[in-house]
């Protein structure tokens, strides 16, 4: 007996009922690659959050709100459009789509996207400034090595005057 007490074999207006198509065969489990490791999620400073002080960590950080003070992270700092950072920043990578005011040091790269504004000195081996971005400051694209000290000549005293006589 079918649904609602009706017979399953009844044809609809003279059209014979067709058997459902078989389901496609499932691929063997061994052929499906195992998923890779899931990357750790970024720490997010939400759009209505304000952080004042020192931000330290080993995670990626996404700033949608406001950060003031100092930022020292070992991974990527990403400032979203609408995000504001007023801090000196040390990170592996810095990506600015919002606003950053402060000096920046990155071990890998600094990228200022078209909506980004950065005011401060930057130091990184790779720097990208997109068309439409705003940057005001100095750029150092050294690899983080400190410059060799320059030797300044030591002042020599003038020779003593010869005795008169």
N, C-alpha and C. Protein backbone atom coordinates (compact mmCIF):
# COMPACT_ATOMS: atom_id res chain seq x y z
N UNK A 1 0.85 -1.15 0.00
CA UNK A 1 0.00 0.00 0.00
C UNK A 1 0.90 1.22 0.00
N UNK A 2 0.55 2.26 -0.76
CA UNK A 2 1.33 3.47 -0.90
C UNK A 2 0.95 4.50 0.14
N UNK A 3 1.36 5.69 -0.11
CA UNK A 3 1.10 6.80 0.80
C UNK A 3 -0.38 7.14 0.75
N UNK A 4 -0.97 7.43 1.87
CA UNK A 4 -2.35 7.84 2.03
C UNK A 4 -3.31 6.76 1.55
N UNK A 5 -2.92 5.51 1.64
CA UNK A 5 -3.82 4.40 1.34
C UNK A 5 -4.04 4.17 -0.14
N UNK A 6 -3.30 4.78 -1.02
CA UNK A 6 -3.46 4.60 -2.47
C UNK A 6 -2.52 3.52 -2.95
N UNK A 7 -2.92 2.88 -3.99
CA UNK A 7 -2.13 1.80 -4.55
C UNK A 7 -0.91 2.37 -5.27
N UNK A 8 0.24 1.69 -5.13
CA UNK A 8 1.47 2.15 -5.76
C UNK A 8 1.52 1.82 -7.24
N UNK A 9 0.75 0.90 -7.72
CA UNK A 9 0.85 0.45 -9.11
C UNK A 9 -0.04 1.23 -10.05
N UNK A 10 -0.80 2.19 -9.57
CA UNK A 10 -1.71 2.94 -10.40
C UNK A 10 -0.92 3.86 -11.34
N UNK A 11 -1.22 3.81 -12.63
CA UNK A 11 -0.58 4.66 -13.62
C UNK A 11 -1.25 6.01 -13.65
N UNK A 12 -0.48 7.05 -13.95
CA UNK A 12 -1.02 8.40 -14.03
C UNK A 12 -1.41 8.66 -15.47
N UNK A 13 -2.68 8.84 -15.76
CA UNK A 13 -3.26 9.14 -17.06
C UNK A 13 -2.63 8.32 -18.17
N UNK A 14 -2.56 7.06 -18.01
CA UNK A 14 -2.11 6.16 -19.05
C UNK A 14 -0.62 6.05 -19.20
N UNK A 15 0.16 6.78 -18.38
CA UNK A 15 1.61 6.70 -18.47
C UNK A 15 2.08 5.69 -17.46
N UNK A 16 2.79 4.65 -17.91
CA UNK A 16 3.24 3.65 -16.94
C UNK A 16 4.28 4.25 -15.98
N UNK A 17 4.23 3.76 -14.77
CA UNK A 17 5.15 4.24 -13.74
C UNK A 17 6.54 3.69 -14.01
N UNK A 18 7.56 4.61 -13.92
CA UNK A 18 8.94 4.18 -14.17
C UNK A 18 9.63 3.93 -12.84
N UNK A 19 10.54 3.01 -12.87
CA UNK A 19 11.33 2.71 -11.67
C UNK A 19 12.32 3.85 -11.45
N UNK A 20 12.60 4.21 -10.20
CA UNK A 20 13.57 5.27 -9.94
C UNK A 20 14.95 4.88 -10.45
N UNK A 21 15.70 5.88 -10.90
CA UNK A 21 17.06 5.63 -11.40
C UNK A 21 17.94 5.21 -10.24
N UNK A 22 18.85 4.27 -10.49
CA UNK A 22 19.73 3.83 -9.40
C UNK A 22 20.67 4.96 -9.00
N UNK A 23 21.03 4.99 -7.73
CA UNK A 23 21.97 5.99 -7.22
C UNK A 23 23.35 5.72 -7.78
N UNK A 24 24.13 6.77 -8.07
CA UNK A 24 25.48 6.54 -8.58
C UNK A 24 26.32 5.81 -7.54
N UNK A 25 27.23 4.99 -8.04
CA UNK A 25 28.09 4.21 -7.14
C UNK A 25 29.02 5.16 -6.39
N UNK A 26 29.18 4.90 -5.12
CA UNK A 26 30.07 5.72 -4.30
C UNK A 26 31.51 5.41 -4.63
N UNK A 27 32.34 6.45 -4.63
CA UNK A 27 33.76 6.26 -4.90
C UNK A 27 34.39 5.53 -3.73
N UNK A 28 35.38 4.71 -3.99
CA UNK A 28 36.02 4.00 -2.89
C UNK A 28 36.64 5.00 -1.91
N UNK A 29 36.63 4.67 -0.64
CA UNK A 29 37.13 5.56 0.40
C UNK A 29 38.61 5.86 0.22
N UNK A 30 39.37 4.93 -0.31
CA UNK A 30 40.81 5.13 -0.46
C UNK A 30 41.11 6.19 -1.51
N UNK A 31 40.19 6.39 -2.49
CA UNK A 31 40.45 7.37 -3.54
C UNK A 31 40.21 8.79 -3.07
N UNK A 32 39.48 8.99 -1.98
CA UNK A 32 39.21 10.32 -1.47
C UNK A 32 40.39 10.77 -0.64
N UNK A 33 41.02 11.92 -1.01
CA UNK A 33 42.17 12.37 -0.23
C UNK A 33 41.73 12.82 1.16
N UNK A 34 42.59 12.57 2.11
CA UNK A 34 42.30 12.99 3.48
C UNK A 34 42.47 14.49 3.59
N UNK A 35 41.60 15.18 4.34
CA UNK A 35 41.76 16.62 4.46
C UNK A 35 43.04 16.97 5.18
N UNK A 36 43.63 18.11 4.77
CA UNK A 36 44.87 18.57 5.38
C UNK A 36 44.61 19.15 6.76
N UNK A 37 45.66 19.52 7.46
CA UNK A 37 45.47 20.10 8.78
C UNK A 37 44.72 21.41 8.68
N UNK A 38 43.82 21.61 9.59
CA UNK A 38 43.03 22.83 9.60
C UNK A 38 43.86 23.93 10.25
N UNK A 39 44.06 25.07 9.54
CA UNK A 39 44.86 26.15 10.15
C UNK A 39 44.12 26.75 11.34
N UNK A 40 44.88 27.24 12.29
CA UNK A 40 44.28 27.86 13.47
C UNK A 40 43.54 29.12 13.04
N UNK A 41 42.41 29.36 13.66
CA UNK A 41 41.62 30.55 13.34
C UNK A 41 42.33 31.79 13.88
N UNK A 42 42.09 32.89 13.22
CA UNK A 42 42.69 34.15 13.64
C UNK A 42 41.98 34.68 14.87
N UNK A 43 42.69 35.40 15.69
CA UNK A 43 42.08 36.12 16.79
C UNK A 43 41.49 37.38 16.20
N UNK A 44 40.25 37.68 16.54
CA UNK A 44 39.53 38.80 15.93
C UNK A 44 39.22 39.86 16.97
N UNK A 45 39.61 41.09 16.66
CA UNK A 45 39.20 42.25 17.44
C UNK A 45 37.98 42.80 16.70
N UNK A 46 36.80 42.59 17.24
CA UNK A 46 35.55 42.91 16.56
C UNK A 46 35.37 44.38 16.27
N UNK A 47 34.39 44.71 15.40
CA UNK A 47 34.21 46.09 14.95
C UNK A 47 33.83 47.07 16.05
N UNK A 48 33.28 46.59 17.16
CA UNK A 48 32.91 47.51 18.25
C UNK A 48 33.85 47.38 19.45
N UNK A 49 34.97 46.66 19.27
CA UNK A 49 35.92 46.45 20.36
C UNK A 49 37.05 47.46 20.30
N UNK A 50 37.55 47.85 21.50
CA UNK A 50 38.71 48.73 21.61
C UNK A 50 39.70 48.05 22.55
N UNK A 51 40.94 47.88 22.09
CA UNK A 51 42.00 47.28 22.89
C UNK A 51 43.05 48.35 23.11
N UNK A 52 43.36 48.63 24.39
CA UNK A 52 44.40 49.61 24.72
C UNK A 52 45.46 48.90 25.53
N UNK A 53 46.72 49.10 25.13
CA UNK A 53 47.82 48.45 25.84
C UNK A 53 48.70 47.69 24.89
N UNK A 54 49.14 46.51 25.32
CA UNK A 54 50.06 45.70 24.54
C UNK A 54 49.37 44.43 24.08
N UNK A 55 49.42 44.16 22.78
CA UNK A 55 48.82 42.97 22.20
C UNK A 55 49.96 42.04 21.80
N UNK A 56 50.05 40.89 22.47
CA UNK A 56 51.12 39.91 22.23
C UNK A 56 50.49 38.59 21.83
N UNK A 57 51.15 37.81 20.95
CA UNK A 57 50.61 36.50 20.65
C UNK A 57 51.31 35.79 19.52
N UNK A 58 50.88 34.53 19.33
CA UNK A 58 51.42 33.66 18.29
C UNK A 58 50.35 33.28 17.27
N UNK A 59 49.23 33.99 17.24
CA UNK A 59 48.15 33.74 16.29
C UNK A 59 48.12 34.84 15.24
N UNK A 60 47.42 34.55 14.14
CA UNK A 60 47.07 35.61 13.21
C UNK A 60 46.06 36.50 13.93
N UNK A 61 46.10 37.80 13.67
CA UNK A 61 45.18 38.73 14.32
C UNK A 61 44.49 39.55 13.24
N UNK A 62 43.16 39.62 13.33
CA UNK A 62 42.35 40.43 12.43
C UNK A 62 41.74 41.55 13.25
N UNK A 63 42.03 42.79 12.86
CA UNK A 63 41.50 43.95 13.58
C UNK A 63 40.38 44.56 12.76
N UNK A 64 39.18 44.47 13.30
CA UNK A 64 38.03 45.13 12.68
C UNK A 64 37.62 46.35 13.50
N UNK A 65 38.10 46.41 14.74
CA UNK A 65 37.79 47.50 15.65
C UNK A 65 38.97 48.44 15.79
N UNK A 66 39.37 48.70 17.04
CA UNK A 66 40.44 49.67 17.30
C UNK A 66 41.46 49.07 18.27
N UNK A 67 42.76 49.27 17.97
CA UNK A 67 43.85 48.84 18.84
C UNK A 67 44.77 50.03 19.04
N UNK A 68 45.11 50.33 20.30
CA UNK A 68 46.02 51.42 20.64
C UNK A 68 47.09 50.91 21.57
N UNK A 69 48.35 51.25 21.29
CA UNK A 69 49.45 50.83 22.17
C UNK A 69 50.59 50.21 21.40
N UNK A 70 50.84 48.91 21.65
CA UNK A 70 51.92 48.16 20.99
C UNK A 70 51.38 46.82 20.53
N UNK A 71 51.82 46.37 19.37
CA UNK A 71 51.43 45.06 18.86
C UNK A 71 52.70 44.27 18.54
N UNK A 72 52.82 43.08 19.13
CA UNK A 72 53.95 42.18 18.86
C UNK A 72 53.39 40.78 18.69
N UNK A 73 53.29 40.33 17.43
CA UNK A 73 52.80 38.98 17.17
C UNK A 73 53.76 38.28 16.22
N UNK A 74 53.80 36.96 16.29
CA UNK A 74 54.75 36.21 15.48
C UNK A 74 54.16 35.79 14.13
N UNK A 75 52.90 36.12 13.89
CA UNK A 75 52.26 35.73 12.63
C UNK A 75 51.75 36.97 11.89
N UNK A 76 50.58 36.91 11.28
CA UNK A 76 50.09 38.01 10.45
C UNK A 76 49.13 38.92 11.21
N UNK A 77 49.32 40.22 11.03
CA UNK A 77 48.37 41.22 11.50
C UNK A 77 47.64 41.73 10.28
N UNK A 78 46.32 41.62 10.30
CA UNK A 78 45.49 42.09 9.19
C UNK A 78 44.52 43.13 9.74
N UNK A 79 44.54 44.32 9.14
CA UNK A 79 43.65 45.39 9.55
C UNK A 79 42.57 45.51 8.48
N UNK A 80 41.34 45.18 8.85
CA UNK A 80 40.23 45.16 7.90
C UNK A 80 39.78 46.58 7.57
N UNK A 81 39.05 46.75 6.47
CA UNK A 81 38.47 48.07 6.20
C UNK A 81 37.61 48.48 7.39
N UNK A 82 37.79 49.69 7.85
CA UNK A 82 37.07 50.13 9.04
C UNK A 82 37.83 49.89 10.33
N UNK A 83 38.91 49.09 10.28
CA UNK A 83 39.75 48.84 11.45
C UNK A 83 40.77 49.95 11.62
N UNK A 84 41.11 50.25 12.88
CA UNK A 84 42.07 51.32 13.18
C UNK A 84 43.12 50.78 14.16
N UNK A 85 44.38 50.99 13.85
CA UNK A 85 45.47 50.63 14.75
C UNK A 85 46.34 51.85 14.93
N UNK A 86 46.52 52.27 16.18
CA UNK A 86 47.43 53.35 16.53
C UNK A 86 48.48 52.73 17.45
N UNK A 87 49.52 52.14 16.85
CA UNK A 87 50.49 51.38 17.62
C UNK A 87 51.74 51.15 16.80
N UNK A 88 52.85 50.90 17.50
CA UNK A 88 54.03 50.37 16.83
C UNK A 88 53.80 48.88 16.69
N UNK A 89 54.08 48.33 15.49
CA UNK A 89 53.73 46.94 15.19
C UNK A 89 54.96 46.16 14.80
N UNK A 90 55.11 44.97 15.39
CA UNK A 90 56.12 43.98 14.99
C UNK A 90 55.36 42.70 14.70
N UNK A 91 55.47 42.18 13.46
CA UNK A 91 54.76 40.96 13.08
C UNK A 91 55.49 40.30 11.92
N UNK A 92 55.10 39.07 11.60
CA UNK A 92 55.68 38.41 10.43
C UNK A 92 55.20 39.10 9.16
N UNK A 93 53.89 39.34 9.07
CA UNK A 93 53.31 40.03 7.92
C UNK A 93 52.29 41.03 8.42
N UNK A 94 52.16 42.13 7.70
CA UNK A 94 51.19 43.17 8.04
C UNK A 94 50.43 43.50 6.77
N UNK A 95 49.10 43.37 6.82
CA UNK A 95 48.25 43.70 5.68
C UNK A 95 47.28 44.78 6.14
N UNK A 96 47.31 45.93 5.48
CA UNK A 96 46.51 47.08 5.90
C UNK A 96 45.43 47.36 4.86
N UNK A 97 44.18 47.17 5.27
CA UNK A 97 43.04 47.57 4.44
C UNK A 97 42.29 48.71 5.12
N UNK A 98 42.58 48.92 6.41
CA UNK A 98 41.99 50.01 7.18
C UNK A 98 43.03 51.08 7.41
N UNK A 99 43.18 51.51 8.68
CA UNK A 99 44.13 52.57 9.01
C UNK A 99 45.15 52.09 10.04
N UNK A 100 46.41 52.45 9.82
CA UNK A 100 47.47 52.13 10.77
C UNK A 100 48.32 53.38 10.94
N UNK A 101 48.49 53.81 12.19
CA UNK A 101 49.37 54.94 12.50
C UNK A 101 50.40 54.43 13.49
N UNK A 102 51.65 54.32 13.04
CA UNK A 102 52.72 53.82 13.89
C UNK A 102 53.81 53.21 13.03
N UNK A 103 54.96 52.97 13.64
CA UNK A 103 56.07 52.36 12.93
C UNK A 103 55.85 50.85 12.87
N UNK A 104 56.22 50.25 11.73
CA UNK A 104 55.96 48.83 11.49
C UNK A 104 57.24 48.10 11.10
N UNK A 105 57.43 46.92 11.68
CA UNK A 105 58.53 46.04 11.31
C UNK A 105 57.92 44.67 11.03
N UNK A 106 58.18 44.13 9.84
CA UNK A 106 57.69 42.81 9.47
C UNK A 106 58.85 41.96 8.98
N UNK A 107 58.85 40.70 9.37
CA UNK A 107 59.93 39.80 8.95
C UNK A 107 59.71 39.25 7.54
N UNK A 108 58.44 39.26 7.05
CA UNK A 108 58.16 38.74 5.71
C UNK A 108 57.69 39.83 4.74
N UNK A 109 56.59 40.55 5.08
CA UNK A 109 56.07 41.52 4.12
C UNK A 109 55.14 42.51 4.80
N UNK A 110 54.99 43.65 4.14
CA UNK A 110 53.99 44.64 4.50
C UNK A 110 53.23 44.95 3.22
N UNK A 111 51.91 44.88 3.31
CA UNK A 111 51.06 45.15 2.15
C UNK A 111 50.02 46.19 2.54
N UNK A 112 49.96 47.27 1.76
CA UNK A 112 48.94 48.29 1.96
C UNK A 112 47.99 48.17 0.78
N UNK A 113 46.77 47.74 1.07
CA UNK A 113 45.80 47.53 0.00
C UNK A 113 45.15 48.85 -0.41
N UNK A 114 44.36 48.83 -1.46
CA UNK A 114 43.80 50.06 -2.05
C UNK A 114 43.00 50.88 -1.04
N UNK A 115 42.36 50.22 -0.09
CA UNK A 115 41.57 50.96 0.91
C UNK A 115 42.39 51.31 2.14
N UNK A 116 43.66 50.92 2.17
CA UNK A 116 44.49 51.10 3.36
C UNK A 116 45.19 52.44 3.43
N UNK A 117 45.41 52.87 4.69
CA UNK A 117 46.18 54.10 4.95
C UNK A 117 47.17 53.79 6.05
N UNK A 118 48.45 54.05 5.79
CA UNK A 118 49.50 53.81 6.77
C UNK A 118 50.32 55.07 6.93
N UNK A 119 50.47 55.51 8.18
CA UNK A 119 51.31 56.67 8.50
C UNK A 119 52.35 56.19 9.49
N UNK A 120 53.60 56.19 9.08
CA UNK A 120 54.69 55.74 9.93
C UNK A 120 55.78 55.11 9.10
N UNK A 121 56.90 54.85 9.71
CA UNK A 121 58.03 54.23 9.02
C UNK A 121 57.82 52.73 8.98
N UNK A 122 58.21 52.10 7.86
CA UNK A 122 58.04 50.66 7.72
C UNK A 122 59.37 50.01 7.35
N UNK A 123 59.54 48.77 7.84
CA UNK A 123 60.73 47.99 7.51
C UNK A 123 60.31 46.55 7.28
N UNK A 124 60.59 46.05 6.07
CA UNK A 124 60.27 44.67 5.69
C UNK A 124 61.03 44.33 4.42
N UNK A 125 61.32 43.04 4.20
CA UNK A 125 62.01 42.66 2.96
C UNK A 125 61.14 42.82 1.72
N UNK A 126 59.80 42.74 1.88
CA UNK A 126 58.89 42.92 0.76
C UNK A 126 57.81 43.92 1.15
N UNK A 127 57.60 44.92 0.30
CA UNK A 127 56.59 45.95 0.55
C UNK A 127 55.74 46.08 -0.71
N UNK A 128 54.41 46.04 -0.52
CA UNK A 128 53.48 46.23 -1.63
C UNK A 128 52.54 47.36 -1.27
N UNK A 129 52.43 48.34 -2.16
CA UNK A 129 51.50 49.45 -1.96
C UNK A 129 50.60 49.49 -3.19
N UNK A 130 49.32 49.19 -2.99
CA UNK A 130 48.38 49.12 -4.10
C UNK A 130 48.00 50.52 -4.58
N UNK A 131 47.57 50.58 -5.83
CA UNK A 131 47.08 51.84 -6.37
C UNK A 131 45.87 52.28 -5.56
N UNK A 132 45.87 53.53 -5.14
CA UNK A 132 44.78 54.06 -4.33
C UNK A 132 45.08 54.04 -2.84
N UNK A 133 46.12 53.31 -2.44
CA UNK A 133 46.50 53.26 -1.03
C UNK A 133 47.18 54.56 -0.63
N UNK A 134 47.24 54.81 0.68
CA UNK A 134 47.89 56.00 1.18
C UNK A 134 49.02 55.59 2.12
N UNK A 135 50.22 56.14 1.90
CA UNK A 135 51.37 55.84 2.75
C UNK A 135 52.15 57.12 2.97
N UNK A 136 52.47 57.38 4.22
CA UNK A 136 53.31 58.53 4.55
C UNK A 136 54.33 58.07 5.58
N UNK A 137 55.60 58.07 5.18
CA UNK A 137 56.66 57.64 6.07
C UNK A 137 57.88 57.21 5.28
N UNK A 138 58.81 56.57 5.95
CA UNK A 138 60.03 56.08 5.32
C UNK A 138 59.93 54.57 5.16
N UNK A 139 60.61 54.06 4.14
CA UNK A 139 60.60 52.63 3.86
C UNK A 139 62.02 52.10 3.92
N UNK A 140 62.20 50.98 4.61
CA UNK A 140 63.48 50.28 4.65
C UNK A 140 63.20 48.84 4.24
N UNK A 141 63.73 48.44 3.10
CA UNK A 141 63.48 47.08 2.61
C UNK A 141 64.67 46.17 2.86
N UNK A 142 65.42 46.44 3.91
CA UNK A 142 66.52 45.55 4.29
C UNK A 142 65.95 44.26 4.84
N UNK A 143 66.76 43.30 4.97
CA UNK A 143 66.32 41.99 5.46
C UNK A 143 66.39 41.89 6.97
N UNK A 144 66.41 43.00 7.64
CA UNK A 144 66.42 42.96 9.10
C UNK A 144 67.80 43.02 9.71
N UNK A 145 68.83 42.95 8.86
CA UNK A 145 70.17 43.06 9.42
C UNK A 145 70.40 44.50 9.84
N UNK A 146 71.14 44.64 10.90
CA UNK A 146 71.50 45.99 11.32
C UNK A 146 72.67 46.45 10.45
N UNK A 147 72.66 47.70 10.06
CA UNK A 147 73.77 48.17 9.23
C UNK A 147 75.08 48.11 10.00
N UNK A 148 76.13 47.85 9.26
CA UNK A 148 77.45 47.79 9.89
C UNK A 148 77.81 49.18 10.39
N UNK A 149 78.40 49.25 11.55
CA UNK A 149 78.76 50.58 12.05
C UNK A 149 79.79 51.22 11.13
N UNK A 150 79.56 52.45 10.85
CA UNK A 150 80.52 53.16 10.00
C UNK A 150 81.62 53.70 10.89
N UNK A 151 82.83 53.55 10.42
CA UNK A 151 83.94 54.05 11.23
C UNK A 151 84.15 55.52 10.90
N UNK A 152 84.10 56.32 11.89
CA UNK A 152 84.34 57.74 11.69
C UNK A 152 85.79 58.01 12.03
N UNK A 153 86.43 58.82 11.22
CA UNK A 153 87.84 59.08 11.53
C UNK A 153 87.95 59.80 12.86
N UNK A 154 88.91 59.38 13.64
CA UNK A 154 89.12 60.02 14.93
C UNK A 154 89.79 61.36 14.70
N UNK A 155 89.30 62.38 15.37
CA UNK A 155 89.93 63.69 15.14
C UNK A 155 91.36 63.68 15.65
N UNK A 156 92.20 64.25 14.87
CA UNK A 156 93.61 64.34 15.28
C UNK A 156 93.89 65.77 15.68
N UNK A 157 94.66 65.89 16.68
CA UNK A 157 94.99 67.27 17.12
C UNK A 157 96.04 67.84 16.17
N UNK A 158 95.96 69.13 15.92
CA UNK A 158 96.94 69.74 15.03
C UNK A 158 98.33 69.62 15.63
N UNK A 159 99.35 69.58 14.80
CA UNK A 159 100.71 69.46 15.35
C UNK A 159 101.02 70.68 16.22
N UNK A 160 101.77 70.40 17.24
CA UNK A 160 102.15 71.48 18.16
C UNK A 160 103.07 72.45 17.42
N UNK A 161 102.92 73.73 17.71
CA UNK A 161 103.79 74.70 17.04
C UNK A 161 105.26 74.47 17.43
N UNK A 162 106.11 74.69 16.46
CA UNK A 162 107.54 74.51 16.70
C UNK A 162 108.04 75.61 17.63
N UNK A 163 108.96 75.23 18.53
CA UNK A 163 109.48 76.25 19.46
C UNK A 163 110.23 77.34 18.69
N UNK A 164 110.06 78.54 19.13
CA UNK A 164 110.73 79.67 18.48
C UNK A 164 112.19 79.71 18.90
N UNK A 165 113.02 79.94 18.03
CA UNK A 165 114.35 80.13 18.49
C UNK A 165 115.44 79.98 17.64
